[in-house]
Amino acid sequence: ACHLSPLDPHNYFYDIMTAFADMVNGDYAAATNLAVRSITANPRHTSSYRVLAITQHFMGKTDDAKITVRKLMALELELTIKRHLQSHPASNQATGQAWASALQAAGVPPN
């Protein structure tokens, strides 16, 4: 979709969907780049911050992940790990649990 419609105002959404796929495949660098591009295009898209924080965590960029989570929490004031797991479709999968742990390690409160 990004290649077919490079000027689409919703490219941030296509970027973050691709970033999720890269993250599942363990390509954290590619996922990070797409998440940053998504945030640049739409700085209020909270899923982009989640992906960025998770990939930063797994790449060992702990301080960056904490900064990203602070930005995420400023947009989503009621975010907790419990709420995240209740709404995320992968919460019952190992990947979803690992992502939640990464978010918690970066500063999202458990409850």
PDB file of N, CA and C in Angstrom:
ATOM      1  N   ALA A   1       0.823  -1.192   0.000  1.00  0.00           N
ATOM      2  CA  ALA A   1       0.000   0.000   0.000  1.00  0.00           C
ATOM      3  C   ALA A   1       0.863   1.249   0.000  1.00  0.00           C
ATOM      4  N   CYS A   2       1.961   1.226   0.737  1.00  0.00           N
ATOM      5  CA  CYS A   2       2.843   2.406   0.804  1.00  0.00           C
ATOM      6  C   CYS A   2       3.452   2.716  -0.557  1.00  0.00           C
ATOM      7  N   HIS A   3       3.792   1.685  -1.295  1.00  0.00           N
ATOM      8  CA  HIS A   3       4.395   1.893  -2.611  1.00  0.00           C
ATOM      9  C   HIS A   3       3.359   2.310  -3.644  1.00  0.00           C
ATOM     10  N   LEU A   4       2.140   1.829  -3.487  1.00  0.00           N
ATOM     11  CA  LEU A   4       1.093   2.162  -4.444  1.00  0.00           C
ATOM     12  C   LEU A   4       0.545   3.562  -4.244  1.00  0.00           C
ATOM     13  N   SER A   5       0.600   4.035  -3.020  1.00  0.00           N
ATOM     14  CA  SER A   5       0.027   5.343  -2.717  1.00  0.00           C
ATOM     15  C   SER A   5       0.942   6.113  -1.763  1.00  0.00           C
ATOM     16  N   PRO A   6       2.078   6.599  -2.261  1.00  0.00           N
ATOM     17  CA  PRO A   6       3.062   7.220  -1.370  1.00  0.00           C
ATOM     18  C   PRO A   6       2.593   8.518  -0.710  1.00  0.00           C
ATOM     19  N   LEU A   7       1.544   9.127  -1.222  1.00  0.00           N
ATOM     20  CA  LEU A   7       1.060  10.382  -0.642  1.00  0.00           C
ATOM     21  C   LEU A   7      -0.208  10.195   0.185  1.00  0.00           C
ATOM     22  N   ASP A   8      -0.581   8.975   0.414  1.00  0.00           N
ATOM     23  CA  ASP A   8      -1.782   8.681   1.190  1.00  0.00           C
ATOM     24  C   ASP A   8      -1.648   9.266   2.596  1.00  0.00           C
ATOM     25  N   PRO A   9      -2.637  10.024   3.064  1.00  0.00           N
ATOM     26  CA  PRO A   9      -2.531  10.609   4.406  1.00  0.00           C
ATOM     27  C   PRO A   9      -2.567   9.566   5.528  1.00  0.00           C
ATOM     28  N   HIS A  10      -2.881   8.345   5.183  1.00  0.00           N
ATOM     29  CA  HIS A  10      -2.922   7.274   6.191  1.00  0.00           C
ATOM     30  C   HIS A  10      -1.701   6.356   6.110  1.00  0.00           C
ATOM     31  N   ASN A  11      -0.653   6.800   5.472  1.00  0.00           N
ATOM     32  CA  ASN A  11       0.560   5.982   5.376  1.00  0.00           C
ATOM     33  C   ASN A  11       1.113   5.608   6.745  1.00  0.00           C
ATOM     34  N   TYR A  12       0.914   6.469   7.751  1.00  0.00           N
ATOM     35  CA  TYR A  12       1.389   6.145   9.097  1.00  0.00           C
ATOM     36  C   TYR A  12       0.805   4.819   9.564  1.00  0.00           C
ATOM     37  N   PHE A  13      -0.441   4.536   9.169  1.00  0.00           N
ATOM     38  CA  PHE A  13      -1.090   3.288   9.564  1.00  0.00           C
ATOM     39  C   PHE A  13      -0.456   2.096   8.847  1.00  0.00           C
ATOM     40  N   TYR A  14      -0.194   2.249   7.564  1.00  0.00           N
ATOM     41  CA  TYR A  14       0.462   1.171   6.820  1.00  0.00           C
ATOM     42  C   TYR A  14       1.865   0.928   7.378  1.00  0.00           C
ATOM     43  N   ASP A  15       2.549   2.021   7.716  1.00  0.00           N
ATOM     44  CA  ASP A  15       3.891   1.884   8.281  1.00  0.00           C
ATOM     45  C   ASP A  15       3.871   1.104   9.587  1.00  0.00           C
ATOM     46  N   ILE A  16       2.910   1.392  10.453  1.00  0.00           N
ATOM     47  CA  ILE A  16       2.916   0.721  11.750  1.00  0.00           C
ATOM     48  C   ILE A  16       2.473  -0.740  11.622  1.00  0.00           C
ATOM     49  N   MET A  17       1.609  -1.038  10.650  1.00  0.00           N
ATOM     50  CA  MET A  17       1.238  -2.442  10.426  1.00  0.00           C
ATOM     51  C   MET A  17       2.466  -3.231   9.941  1.00  0.00           C
ATOM     52  N   THR A  18       3.247  -2.618   9.069  1.00  0.00           N
ATOM     53  CA  THR A  18       4.476  -3.261   8.604  1.00  0.00           C
ATOM     54  C   THR A  18       5.476  -3.377   9.752  1.00  0.00           C
ATOM     55  N   ALA A  19       5.524  -2.360  10.606  1.00  0.00           N
ATOM     56  CA  ALA A  19       6.424  -2.401  11.765  1.00  0.00           C
ATOM     57  C   ALA A  19       6.046  -3.550  12.696  1.00  0.00           C
ATOM     58  N   PHE A  20       4.743  -3.774  12.905  1.00  0.00           N
ATOM     59  CA  PHE A  20       4.311  -4.910  13.727  1.00  0.00           C
ATOM     60  C   PHE A  20       4.824  -6.219  13.128  1.00  0.00           C
ATOM     61  N   ALA A  21       4.701  -6.375  11.816  1.00  0.00           N
ATOM     62  CA  ALA A  21       5.175  -7.594  11.157  1.00  0.00           C
ATOM     63  C   ALA A  21       6.680  -7.743  11.340  1.00  0.00           C
ATOM     64  N   ASP A  22       7.414  -6.655  11.175  1.00  0.00           N
ATOM     65  CA  ASP A  22       8.862  -6.712  11.386  1.00  0.00           C
ATOM     66  C   ASP A  22       9.193  -7.077  12.829  1.00  0.00           C
ATOM     67  N   MET A  23       8.428  -6.528  13.763  1.00  0.00           N
ATOM     68  CA  MET A  23       8.669  -6.809  15.174  1.00  0.00           C
ATOM     69  C   MET A  23       8.428  -8.295  15.474  1.00  0.00           C
ATOM     70  N   VAL A  24       7.368  -8.852  14.917  1.00  0.00           N
ATOM     71  CA  VAL A  24       7.092 -10.281  15.097  1.00  0.00           C
ATOM     72  C   VAL A  24       8.245 -11.112  14.561  1.00  0.00           C
ATOM     73  N   ASN A  25       8.820 -10.677  13.459  1.00  0.00           N
ATOM     74  CA  ASN A  25       9.939 -11.405  12.843  1.00  0.00           C
ATOM     75  C   ASN A  25      11.281 -11.129  13.510  1.00  0.00           C
ATOM     76  N   GLY A  26      11.283 -10.261  14.523  1.00  0.00           N
ATOM     77  CA  GLY A  26      12.517  -9.964  15.234  1.00  0.00           C
ATOM     78  C   GLY A  26      13.408  -8.950  14.538  1.00  0.00           C
ATOM     79  N   ASP A  27      12.890  -8.296  13.511  1.00  0.00           N
ATOM     80  CA  ASP A  27      13.663  -7.262  12.822  1.00  0.00           C
ATOM     81  C   ASP A  27      13.364  -5.923  13.491  1.00  0.00           C
ATOM     82  N   TYR A  28      13.969  -5.738  14.661  1.00  0.00           N
ATOM     83  CA  TYR A  28      13.669  -4.572  15.484  1.00  0.00           C
ATOM     84  C   TYR A  28      14.148  -3.266  14.860  1.00  0.00           C
ATOM     85  N   ALA A  29      15.242  -3.315  14.121  1.00  0.00           N
ATOM     86  CA  ALA A  29      15.740  -2.094  13.479  1.00  0.00           C
ATOM     87  C   ALA A  29      14.743  -1.597  12.433  1.00  0.00           C
ATOM     88  N   ALA A  30      14.248  -2.488  11.602  1.00  0.00           N
ATOM     89  CA  ALA A  30      13.269  -2.093  10.581  1.00  0.00           C
ATOM     90  C   ALA A  30      11.985  -1.607  11.241  1.00  0.00           C
ATOM     91  N   ALA A  31      11.545  -2.312  12.284  1.00  0.00           N
ATOM     92  CA  ALA A  31      10.323  -1.913  12.997  1.00  0.00           C
ATOM     93  C   ALA A  31      10.496  -0.543  13.637  1.00  0.00           C
ATOM     94  N   THR A  32      11.671  -0.294  14.197  1.00  0.00           N
ATOM     95  CA  THR A  32      11.946   1.010  14.806  1.00  0.00           C
ATOM     96  C   THR A  32      11.866   2.117  13.771  1.00  0.00           C
ATOM     97  N   ASN A  33      12.495   1.904  12.632  1.00  0.00           N
ATOM     98  CA  ASN A  33      12.481   2.923  11.577  1.00  0.00           C
ATOM     99  C   ASN A  33      11.057   3.237  11.121  1.00  0.00           C
ATOM    100  N   LEU A  34      10.257   2.208  10.943  1.00  0.00           N
ATOM    101  CA  LEU A  34       8.874   2.426  10.510  1.00  0.00           C
ATOM    102  C   LEU A  34       8.039   3.085  11.601  1.00  0.00           C
ATOM    103  N   ALA A  35       8.285   2.731  12.848  1.00  0.00           N
ATOM    104  CA  ALA A  35       7.548   3.355  13.951  1.00  0.00           C
ATOM    105  C   ALA A  35       7.874   4.840  14.041  1.00  0.00           C
ATOM    106  N   VAL A  36       9.138   5.177  13.879  1.00  0.00           N
ATOM    107  CA  VAL A  36       9.541   6.592  13.897  1.00  0.00           C
ATOM    108  C   VAL A  36       8.885   7.331  12.733  1.00  0.00           C
ATOM    109  N   ARG A  37       8.869   6.718  11.570  1.00  0.00           N
ATOM    110  CA  ARG A  37       8.232   7.345  10.407  1.00  0.00           C
ATOM    111  C   ARG A  37       6.736   7.525  10.639  1.00  0.00           C
ATOM    112  N   SER A  38       6.109   6.542  11.275  1.00  0.00           N
ATOM    113  CA  SER A  38       4.690   6.633  11.583  1.00  0.00           C
ATOM    114  C   SER A  38       4.410   7.767  12.568  1.00  0.00           C
ATOM    115  N   ILE A  39       5.249   7.880  13.594  1.00  0.00           N
ATOM    116  CA  ILE A  39       5.084   8.945  14.590  1.00  0.00           C
ATOM    117  C   ILE A  39       5.302  10.313  13.947  1.00  0.00           C
ATOM    118  N   THR A  40       6.259  10.403  13.053  1.00  0.00           N
ATOM    119  CA  THR A  40       6.499  11.668  12.353  1.00  0.00           C
ATOM    120  C   THR A  40       5.264  12.086  11.553  1.00  0.00           C
ATOM    121  N   ALA A  41       4.622  11.119  10.921  1.00  0.00           N
ATOM    122  CA  ALA A  41       3.440  11.409  10.117  1.00  0.00           C
ATOM    123  C   ALA A  41       2.204  11.683  10.975  1.00  0.00           C
ATOM    124  N   ASN A  42       2.107  11.002  12.121  1.00  0.00           N
ATOM    125  CA  ASN A  42       0.953  11.188  13.002  1.00  0.00           C
ATOM    126  C   ASN A  42       1.412  11.038  14.450  1.00  0.00           C
ATOM    127  N   PRO A  43       1.819  12.145  15.077  1.00  0.00           N
ATOM    128  CA  PRO A  43       2.371  12.079  16.434  1.00  0.00           C
ATOM    129  C   PRO A  43       1.359  11.737  17.527  1.00  0.00           C
ATOM    130  N   ARG A  44       0.121  11.488  17.179  1.00  0.00           N
ATOM    131  CA  ARG A  44      -0.885  11.121  18.181  1.00  0.00           C
ATOM    132  C   ARG A  44      -1.302   9.650  18.071  1.00  0.00           C
ATOM    133  N   HIS A  45      -0.653   8.895  17.202  1.00  0.00           N
ATOM    134  CA  HIS A  45      -0.997   7.485  17.002  1.00  0.00           C
ATOM    135  C   HIS A  45      -0.279   6.632  18.041  1.00  0.00           C
ATOM    136  N   THR A  46      -1.003   6.254  19.075  1.00  0.00           N
ATOM    137  CA  THR A  46      -0.375   5.609  20.228  1.00  0.00           C
ATOM    138  C   THR A  46       0.225   4.239  19.919  1.00  0.00           C
ATOM    139  N   SER A  47      -0.336   3.503  18.986  1.00  0.00           N
ATOM    140  CA  SER A  47       0.246   2.197  18.645  1.00  0.00           C
ATOM    141  C   SER A  47       1.670   2.339  18.140  1.00  0.00           C
ATOM    142  N   SER A  48       1.944   3.443  17.470  1.00  0.00           N
ATOM    143  CA  SER A  48       3.301   3.677  16.967  1.00  0.00           C
ATOM    144  C   SER A  48       4.294   3.818  18.116  1.00  0.00           C
ATOM    145  N   TYR A  49       3.871   4.501  19.168  1.00  0.00           N
ATOM    146  CA  TYR A  49       4.741   4.641  20.344  1.00  0.00           C
ATOM    147  C   TYR A  49       4.939   3.304  21.039  1.00  0.00           C
ATOM    148  N   ARG A  50       3.914   2.477  21.062  1.00  0.00           N
ATOM    149  CA  ARG A  50       4.050   1.154  21.681  1.00  0.00           C
ATOM    150  C   ARG A  50       5.107   0.340  20.945  1.00  0.00           C
ATOM    151  N   VAL A  51       4.978   0.285  19.626  1.00  0.00           N
ATOM    152  CA  VAL A  51       5.945  -0.477  18.830  1.00  0.00           C
ATOM    153  C   VAL A  51       7.350   0.079  19.044  1.00  0.00           C
ATOM    154  N   LEU A  52       7.486   1.388  19.017  1.00  0.00           N
ATOM    155  CA  LEU A  52       8.801   1.997  19.186  1.00  0.00           C
ATOM    156  C   LEU A  52       9.396   1.645  20.543  1.00  0.00           C
ATOM    157  N   ALA A  53       8.615   1.755  21.601  1.00  0.00           N
ATOM    158  CA  ALA A  53       9.126   1.436  22.939  1.00  0.00           C
ATOM    159  C   ALA A  53       9.529  -0.027  23.050  1.00  0.00           C
ATOM    160  N   ILE A  54       8.730  -0.898  22.485  1.00  0.00           N
ATOM    161  CA  ILE A  54       9.027  -2.336  22.548  1.00  0.00           C
ATOM    162  C   ILE A  54      10.308  -2.655  21.788  1.00  0.00           C
ATOM    163  N   THR A  55      10.434  -2.123  20.581  1.00  0.00           N
ATOM    164  CA  THR A  55      11.644  -2.417  19.806  1.00  0.00           C
ATOM    165  C   THR A  55      12.878  -1.798  20.448  1.00  0.00           C
ATOM    166  N   GLN A  56      12.734  -0.604  20.997  1.00  0.00           N
ATOM    167  CA  GLN A  56      13.871   0.007  21.697  1.00  0.00           C
ATOM    168  C   GLN A  56      14.296  -0.867  22.871  1.00  0.00           C
ATOM    169  N   HIS A  57      13.329  -1.373  23.610  1.00  0.00           N
ATOM    170  CA  HIS A  57      13.629  -2.249  24.748  1.00  0.00           C
ATOM    171  C   HIS A  57      14.415  -3.479  24.290  1.00  0.00           C
ATOM    172  N   PHE A  58      13.921  -4.146  23.252  1.00  0.00           N
ATOM    173  CA  PHE A  58      14.571  -5.371  22.789  1.00  0.00           C
ATOM    174  C   PHE A  58      15.921  -5.108  22.133  1.00  0.00           C
ATOM    175  N   MET A  59      16.169  -3.885  21.704  1.00  0.00           N
ATOM    176  CA  MET A  59      17.465  -3.537  21.134  1.00  0.00           C
ATOM    177  C   MET A  59      18.430  -3.044  22.217  1.00  0.00           C
ATOM    178  N   GLY A  60      17.982  -3.054  23.479  1.00  0.00           N
ATOM    179  CA  GLY A  60      18.837  -2.637  24.579  1.00  0.00           C
ATOM    180  C   GLY A  60      18.906  -1.137  24.777  1.00  0.00           C
ATOM    181  N   LYS A  61      18.022  -0.406  24.142  1.00  0.00           N
ATOM    182  CA  LYS A  61      17.991   1.059  24.267  1.00  0.00           C
ATOM    183  C   LYS A  61      16.989   1.439  25.350  1.00  0.00           C
ATOM    184  N   THR A  62      17.328   1.051  26.572  1.00  0.00           N
ATOM    185  CA  THR A  62      16.422   1.197  27.714  1.00  0.00           C
ATOM    186  C   THR A  62      16.020   2.642  27.961  1.00  0.00           C
ATOM    187  N   ASP A  63      16.973   3.551  27.941  1.00  0.00           N
ATOM    188  CA  ASP A  63      16.654   4.962  28.187  1.00  0.00           C
ATOM    189  C   ASP A  63      15.721   5.513  27.117  1.00  0.00           C
ATOM    190  N   ASP A  64      15.978   5.157  25.861  1.00  0.00           N
ATOM    191  CA  ASP A  64      15.104   5.607  24.770  1.00  0.00           C
ATOM    192  C   ASP A  64      13.696   5.040  24.938  1.00  0.00           C
ATOM    193  N   ALA A  65      13.597   3.777  25.334  1.00  0.00           N
ATOM    194  CA  ALA A  65      12.285   3.155  25.541  1.00  0.00           C
ATOM    195  C   ALA A  65      11.518   3.875  26.647  1.00  0.00           C
ATOM    196  N   LYS A  66      12.206   4.278  27.690  1.00  0.00           N
ATOM    197  CA  LYS A  66      11.549   4.997  28.791  1.00  0.00           C
ATOM    198  C   LYS A  66      11.054   6.370  28.332  1.00  0.00           C
ATOM    199  N   ILE A  67      11.830   7.042  27.505  1.00  0.00           N
ATOM    200  CA  ILE A  67      11.400   8.332  26.961  1.00  0.00           C
ATOM    201  C   ILE A  67      10.161   8.138  26.078  1.00  0.00           C
ATOM    202  N   THR A  68      10.192   7.106  25.260  1.00  0.00           N
ATOM    203  CA  THR A  68       9.052   6.819  24.388  1.00  0.00           C
ATOM    204  C   THR A  68       7.805   6.513  25.196  1.00  0.00           C
ATOM    205  N   VAL A  69       7.949   5.740  26.269  1.00  0.00           N
ATOM    206  CA  VAL A  69       6.794   5.420  27.114  1.00  0.00           C
ATOM    207  C   VAL A  69       6.247   6.676  27.782  1.00  0.00           C
ATOM    208  N   ARG A  70       7.100   7.572  28.180  1.00  0.00           N
ATOM    209  CA  ARG A  70       6.603   8.833  28.759  1.00  0.00           C
ATOM    210  C   ARG A  70       5.756   9.598  27.742  1.00  0.00           C
ATOM    211  N   LYS A  71       6.184   9.611  26.498  1.00  0.00           N
ATOM    212  CA  LYS A  71       5.401  10.264  25.437  1.00  0.00           C
ATOM    213  C   LYS A  71       4.087   9.528  25.227  1.00  0.00           C
ATOM    214  N   LEU A  72       4.141   8.211  25.226  1.00  0.00           N
ATOM    215  CA  LEU A  72       2.934   7.397  25.087  1.00  0.00           C
ATOM    216  C   LEU A  72       1.960   7.667  26.224  1.00  0.00           C
ATOM    217  N   MET A  73       2.473   7.696  27.448  1.00  0.00           N
ATOM    218  CA  MET A  73       1.611   7.917  28.616  1.00  0.00           C
ATOM    219  C   MET A  73       1.010   9.325  28.621  1.00  0.00           C
ATOM    220  N   ALA A  74       1.672  10.278  28.001  1.00  0.00           N
ATOM    221  CA  ALA A  74       1.112  11.629  27.896  1.00  0.00           C
ATOM    222  C   ALA A  74      -0.090  11.651  26.957  1.00  0.00           C
ATOM    223  N   LEU A  75      -0.116  10.743  26.002  1.00  0.00           N
ATOM    224  CA  LEU A  75      -1.239  10.646  25.070  1.00  0.00           C
ATOM    225  C   LEU A  75      -2.341   9.724  25.580  1.00  0.00           C
ATOM    226  N   GLU A  76      -1.947   8.697  26.290  1.00  0.00           N
ATOM    227  CA  GLU A  76      -2.890   7.687  26.778  1.00  0.00           C
ATOM    228  C   GLU A  76      -2.755   7.611  28.297  1.00  0.00           C
ATOM    229  N   LEU A  77      -3.410   8.556  28.964  1.00  0.00           N
ATOM    230  CA  LEU A  77      -3.223   8.767  30.404  1.00  0.00           C
ATOM    231  C   LEU A  77      -3.590   7.564  31.267  1.00  0.00           C
ATOM    232  N   GLU A  78      -4.525   6.774  30.828  1.00  0.00           N
ATOM    233  CA  GLU A  78      -5.009   5.648  31.635  1.00  0.00           C
ATOM    234  C   GLU A  78      -4.339   4.316  31.274  1.00  0.00           C
ATOM    235  N   LEU A  79      -3.282   4.363  30.483  1.00  0.00           N
ATOM    236  CA  LEU A  79      -2.635   3.130  30.045  1.00  0.00           C
ATOM    237  C   LEU A  79      -1.988   2.397  31.216  1.00  0.00           C
ATOM    238  N   THR A  80      -2.286   1.125  31.306  1.00  0.00           N
ATOM    239  CA  THR A  80      -1.619   0.209  32.232  1.00  0.00           C
ATOM    240  C   THR A  80      -1.355  -1.084  31.464  1.00  0.00           C
ATOM    241  N   ILE A  81      -0.503  -1.908  32.004  1.00  0.00           N
ATOM    242  CA  ILE A  81      -0.259  -3.207  31.372  1.00  0.00           C
ATOM    243  C   ILE A  81      -1.540  -4.033  31.380  1.00  0.00           C
ATOM    244  N   LYS A  82      -2.279  -3.980  32.472  1.00  0.00           N
ATOM    245  CA  LYS A  82      -3.531  -4.730  32.558  1.00  0.00           C
ATOM    246  C   LYS A  82      -4.491  -4.309  31.438  1.00  0.00           C
ATOM    247  N   ARG A  83      -4.668  -3.018  31.242  1.00  0.00           N
ATOM    248  CA  ARG A  83      -5.561  -2.528  30.179  1.00  0.00           C
ATOM    249  C   ARG A  83      -5.018  -2.879  28.794  1.00  0.00           C
ATOM    250  N   HIS A  84      -3.715  -2.769  28.656  1.00  0.00           N
ATOM    251  CA  HIS A  84      -3.100  -3.116  27.371  1.00  0.00           C
ATOM    252  C   HIS A  84      -3.390  -4.575  27.027  1.00  0.00           C
ATOM    253  N   LEU A  85      -3.195  -5.457  27.992  1.00  0.00           N
ATOM    254  CA  LEU A  85      -3.426  -6.880  27.750  1.00  0.00           C
ATOM    255  C   LEU A  85      -4.901  -7.192  27.494  1.00  0.00           C
ATOM    256  N   GLN A  86      -5.794  -6.446  28.120  1.00  0.00           N
ATOM    257  CA  GLN A  86      -7.222  -6.668  27.908  1.00  0.00           C
ATOM    258  C   GLN A  86      -7.652  -6.314  26.484  1.00  0.00           C
ATOM    259  N   SER A  87      -6.941  -5.385  25.859  1.00  0.00           N
ATOM    260  CA  SER A  87      -7.375  -4.921  24.538  1.00  0.00           C
ATOM    261  C   SER A  87      -6.504  -5.411  23.384  1.00  0.00           C
ATOM    262  N   HIS A  88      -5.349  -5.991  23.683  1.00  0.00           N
ATOM    263  CA  HIS A  88      -4.441  -6.387  22.599  1.00  0.00           C
ATOM    264  C   HIS A  88      -4.767  -7.795  22.109  1.00  0.00           C
ATOM    265  N   PRO A  89      -4.901  -7.979  20.802  1.00  0.00           N
ATOM    266  CA  PRO A  89      -5.269  -9.298  20.276  1.00  0.00           C
ATOM    267  C   PRO A  89      -4.217 -10.381  20.509  1.00  0.00           C
ATOM    268  N   ALA A  90      -2.970 -10.010  20.743  1.00  0.00           N
ATOM    269  CA  ALA A  90      -1.922 -11.011  20.964  1.00  0.00           C
ATOM    270  C   ALA A  90      -1.640 -11.241  22.445  1.00  0.00           C
ATOM    271  N   SER A  91      -2.516 -10.758  23.311  1.00  0.00           N
ATOM    272  CA  SER A  91      -2.239 -10.852  24.748  1.00  0.00           C
ATOM    273  C   SER A  91      -2.141 -12.283  25.260  1.00  0.00           C
ATOM    274  N   ASN A  92      -2.768 -13.231  24.582  1.00  0.00           N
ATOM    275  CA  ASN A  92      -2.703 -14.633  25.015  1.00  0.00           C
ATOM    276  C   ASN A  92      -1.550 -15.391  24.369  1.00  0.00           C
ATOM    277  N   GLN A  93      -0.774 -14.704  23.554  1.00  0.00           N
ATOM    278  CA  GLN A  93       0.355 -15.324  22.867  1.00  0.00           C
ATOM    279  C   GLN A  93       1.661 -14.958  23.568  1.00  0.00           C
ATOM    280  N   ALA A  94       2.679 -15.735  23.335  1.00  0.00           N
ATOM    281  CA  ALA A  94       3.994 -15.455  23.937  1.00  0.00           C
ATOM    282  C   ALA A  94       4.513 -14.090  23.492  1.00  0.00           C
ATOM    283  N   THR A  95       4.292 -13.751  22.228  1.00  0.00           N
ATOM    284  CA  THR A  95       4.767 -12.448  21.750  1.00  0.00           C
ATOM    285  C   THR A  95       4.056 -11.313  22.470  1.00  0.00           C
ATOM    286  N   GLY A  96       2.757 -11.431  22.641  1.00  0.00           N
ATOM    287  CA  GLY A  96       1.995 -10.394  23.339  1.00  0.00           C
ATOM    288  C   GLY A  96       2.448 -10.225  24.782  1.00  0.00           C
ATOM    289  N   GLN A  97       2.753 -11.315  25.437  1.00  0.00           N
ATOM    290  CA  GLN A  97       3.247 -11.265  26.811  1.00  0.00           C
ATOM    291  C   GLN A  97       4.635 -10.627  26.869  1.00  0.00           C
ATOM    292  N   ALA A  98       5.486 -10.977  25.902  1.00  0.00           N
ATOM    293  CA  ALA A  98       6.830 -10.393  25.861  1.00  0.00           C
ATOM    294  C   ALA A  98       6.754  -8.892  25.603  1.00  0.00           C
ATOM    295  N   TRP A  99       5.851  -8.483  24.730  1.00  0.00           N
ATOM    296  CA  TRP A  99       5.687  -7.056  24.431  1.00  0.00           C
ATOM    297  C   TRP A  99       5.178  -6.309  25.661  1.00  0.00           C
ATOM    298  N   ALA A 100       4.246  -6.913  26.376  1.00  0.00           N
ATOM    299  CA  ALA A 100       3.731  -6.280  27.599  1.00  0.00           C
ATOM    300  C   ALA A 100       4.846  -6.144  28.634  1.00  0.00           C
ATOM    301  N   SER A 101       5.675  -7.153  28.753  1.00  0.00           N
ATOM    302  CA  SER A 101       6.811  -7.082  29.687  1.00  0.00           C
ATOM    303  C   SER A 101       7.778  -5.976  29.287  1.00  0.00           C
ATOM    304  N   ALA A 102       7.989  -5.806  27.987  1.00  0.00           N
ATOM    305  CA  ALA A 102       8.874  -4.740  27.505  1.00  0.00           C
ATOM    306  C   ALA A 102       8.288  -3.375  27.846  1.00  0.00           C
ATOM    307  N   LEU A 103       6.985  -3.211  27.650  1.00  0.00           N
ATOM    308  CA  LEU A 103       6.336  -1.945  27.985  1.00  0.00           C
ATOM    309  C   LEU A 103       6.428  -1.662  29.484  1.00  0.00           C
ATOM    310  N   GLN A 104       6.228  -2.692  30.285  1.00  0.00           N
ATOM    311  CA  GLN A 104       6.325  -2.511  31.734  1.00  0.00           C
ATOM    312  C   GLN A 104       7.748  -2.136  32.141  1.00  0.00           C
ATOM    313  N   ALA A 105       8.716  -2.792  31.561  1.00  0.00           N
ATOM    314  CA  ALA A 105      10.120  -2.480  31.872  1.00  0.00           C
ATOM    315  C   ALA A 105      10.463  -1.036  31.477  1.00  0.00           C
ATOM    316  N   ALA A 106       9.757  -0.524  30.470  1.00  0.00           N
ATOM    317  CA  ALA A 106      10.011   0.850  30.011  1.00  0.00           C
ATOM    318  C   ALA A 106       9.205   1.880  30.780  1.00  0.00           C
ATOM    319  N   GLY A 107       8.325   1.415  31.665  1.00  0.00           N
ATOM    320  CA  GLY A 107       7.655   2.370  32.532  1.00  0.00           C
ATOM    321  C   GLY A 107       6.141   2.377  32.554  1.00  0.00           C
ATOM    322  N   VAL A 108       5.486   1.527  31.768  1.00  0.00           N
ATOM    323  CA  VAL A 108       4.030   1.453  31.841  1.00  0.00           C
ATOM    324  C   VAL A 108       3.676   0.735  33.141  1.00  0.00           C
ATOM    325  N   PRO A 109       2.824   1.349  33.974  1.00  0.00           N
ATOM    326  CA  PRO A 109       2.496   0.723  35.265  1.00  0.00           C
ATOM    327  C   PRO A 109       1.670  -0.553  35.076  1.00  0.00           C
ATOM    328  N   PRO A 110       1.808  -1.509  36.001  1.00  0.00           N
ATOM    329  CA  PRO A 110       1.079  -2.776  35.850  1.00  0.00           C
ATOM    330  C   PRO A 110      -0.439  -2.623  35.984  1.00  0.00           C
ATOM    331  N   ASN A 111      -0.879  -1.800  36.942  1.00  0.00           N
ATOM    332  CA  ASN A 111      -2.337  -1.656  37.167  1.00  0.00           C
ATOM    333  C   ASN A 111      -2.751  -0.212  37.159  1.00  0.00           C
TER     334      ASN A 111
END
